[in-house]
């Protein structure tokens, strides 16, 4: 189910340096690679689906329930990168 989130991030993230680890452990890179890196790991397929469908709501919820873990930078940095796109 990571494919849906992958498509969404490829469409949205054009600038910046975002690294996302999928539930299988594979790292995906988004953006133009410029700027400070920000990254997170999605622990479950359900979390990937929820974030893809409504990132504004579910990034915070998944972070709080542990199904999203910040791997590079801070939560604020990840949100700032996404909002800049």
Protein backbone atom coordinates (compact mmCIF):
# COMPACT_ATOMS: atom_id res chain seq x y z
CA UNK A 1 0.00 0.00 0.00
CA UNK A 2 3.02 2.31 0.05
CA UNK A 3 2.48 2.92 -3.68
CA UNK A 4 -0.30 5.41 -2.99
CA UNK A 5 1.88 7.47 -0.63
CA UNK A 6 4.81 7.20 -3.06
CA UNK A 7 2.68 8.65 -5.89
CA UNK A 8 1.40 11.45 -3.68
CA UNK A 9 4.88 12.41 -2.49
CA UNK A 10 6.32 12.30 -6.00
CA UNK A 11 3.57 14.65 -7.14
CA UNK A 12 3.77 17.05 -4.19
CA UNK A 13 7.44 17.22 -3.14
CA UNK A 14 9.35 19.05 -5.87
CA UNK A 15 11.87 20.98 -3.76
CA UNK A 16 13.79 20.01 -0.65
CA UNK A 17 15.37 16.82 0.56
CA UNK A 18 12.87 14.30 1.94
CA UNK A 19 13.72 10.68 2.75
CA UNK A 20 10.91 8.27 3.60
CA UNK A 21 11.38 4.69 4.75
CA UNK A 22 8.49 2.42 3.77
CA UNK A 23 7.13 -0.40 5.97
CA UNK A 24 9.47 -2.85 4.22
CA UNK A 25 12.56 -0.83 5.10
CA UNK A 26 13.25 0.64 1.64
CA UNK A 27 14.29 4.31 1.58
CA UNK A 28 12.64 6.59 -1.00
CA UNK A 29 13.97 10.06 -1.83
CA UNK A 30 11.83 13.01 -2.90
CA UNK A 31 12.54 16.56 -3.97
CA UNK A 32 15.53 18.11 -5.68
CA UNK A 33 17.97 17.09 -2.93
CA UNK A 34 18.71 20.67 -1.88
CA UNK A 35 18.47 21.90 1.67
CA UNK A 36 18.61 20.20 5.03
CA UNK A 37 17.42 16.59 4.93
CA UNK A 38 14.17 15.66 6.61
CA UNK A 39 12.87 12.15 6.89
CA UNK A 40 10.44 9.76 8.45
CA UNK A 41 9.72 6.05 8.55
CA UNK A 42 6.23 4.72 7.99
CA UNK A 43 5.85 1.60 10.14
CA UNK A 44 2.63 0.12 8.71
CA UNK A 45 0.79 -0.05 5.40
CA UNK A 46 -2.27 1.40 7.13
CA UNK A 47 -0.27 4.46 8.20
CA UNK A 48 1.02 4.94 4.64
CA UNK A 49 -2.54 4.81 3.32
CA UNK A 50 -3.85 7.22 5.95
CA UNK A 51 -1.06 9.74 5.31
CA UNK A 52 -1.58 9.53 1.54
CA UNK A 53 -5.30 10.20 1.89
CA UNK A 54 -5.10 13.08 4.41
CA UNK A 55 -1.57 14.12 5.32
CA UNK A 56 -2.71 17.23 7.20
CA UNK A 57 -4.56 15.09 9.71
CA UNK A 58 -2.66 11.83 9.81
CA UNK A 59 1.01 12.83 9.93
CA UNK A 60 0.46 14.09 13.47
CA UNK A 61 -1.81 11.22 14.47
CA UNK A 62 0.58 8.58 13.11
CA UNK A 63 3.49 10.29 14.88
CA UNK A 64 1.57 10.21 18.16
CA UNK A 65 0.55 6.54 17.84
CA UNK A 66 4.07 5.44 16.81
CA UNK A 67 3.29 4.35 13.26
CA UNK A 68 5.42 7.23 11.93
CA UNK A 69 8.92 7.84 13.28
CA UNK A 70 11.12 10.84 12.47
CA UNK A 71 14.45 9.56 11.12
CA UNK A 72 16.11 12.80 10.00
CA UNK A 73 15.59 16.27 11.39
CA UNK A 74 12.48 17.06 13.41
CA UNK A 75 8.74 16.72 13.02
CA UNK A 76 8.60 20.49 12.50
CA UNK A 77 11.21 20.17 9.74
CA UNK A 78 9.22 17.46 7.95
CA UNK A 79 6.02 19.50 8.16
CA UNK A 80 7.84 22.65 6.98
CA UNK A 81 9.27 20.81 3.98
CA UNK A 82 5.85 19.44 3.02
CA UNK A 83 4.18 22.82 3.45
CA UNK A 84 6.84 24.51 1.29
CA UNK A 85 5.75 22.32 -1.61
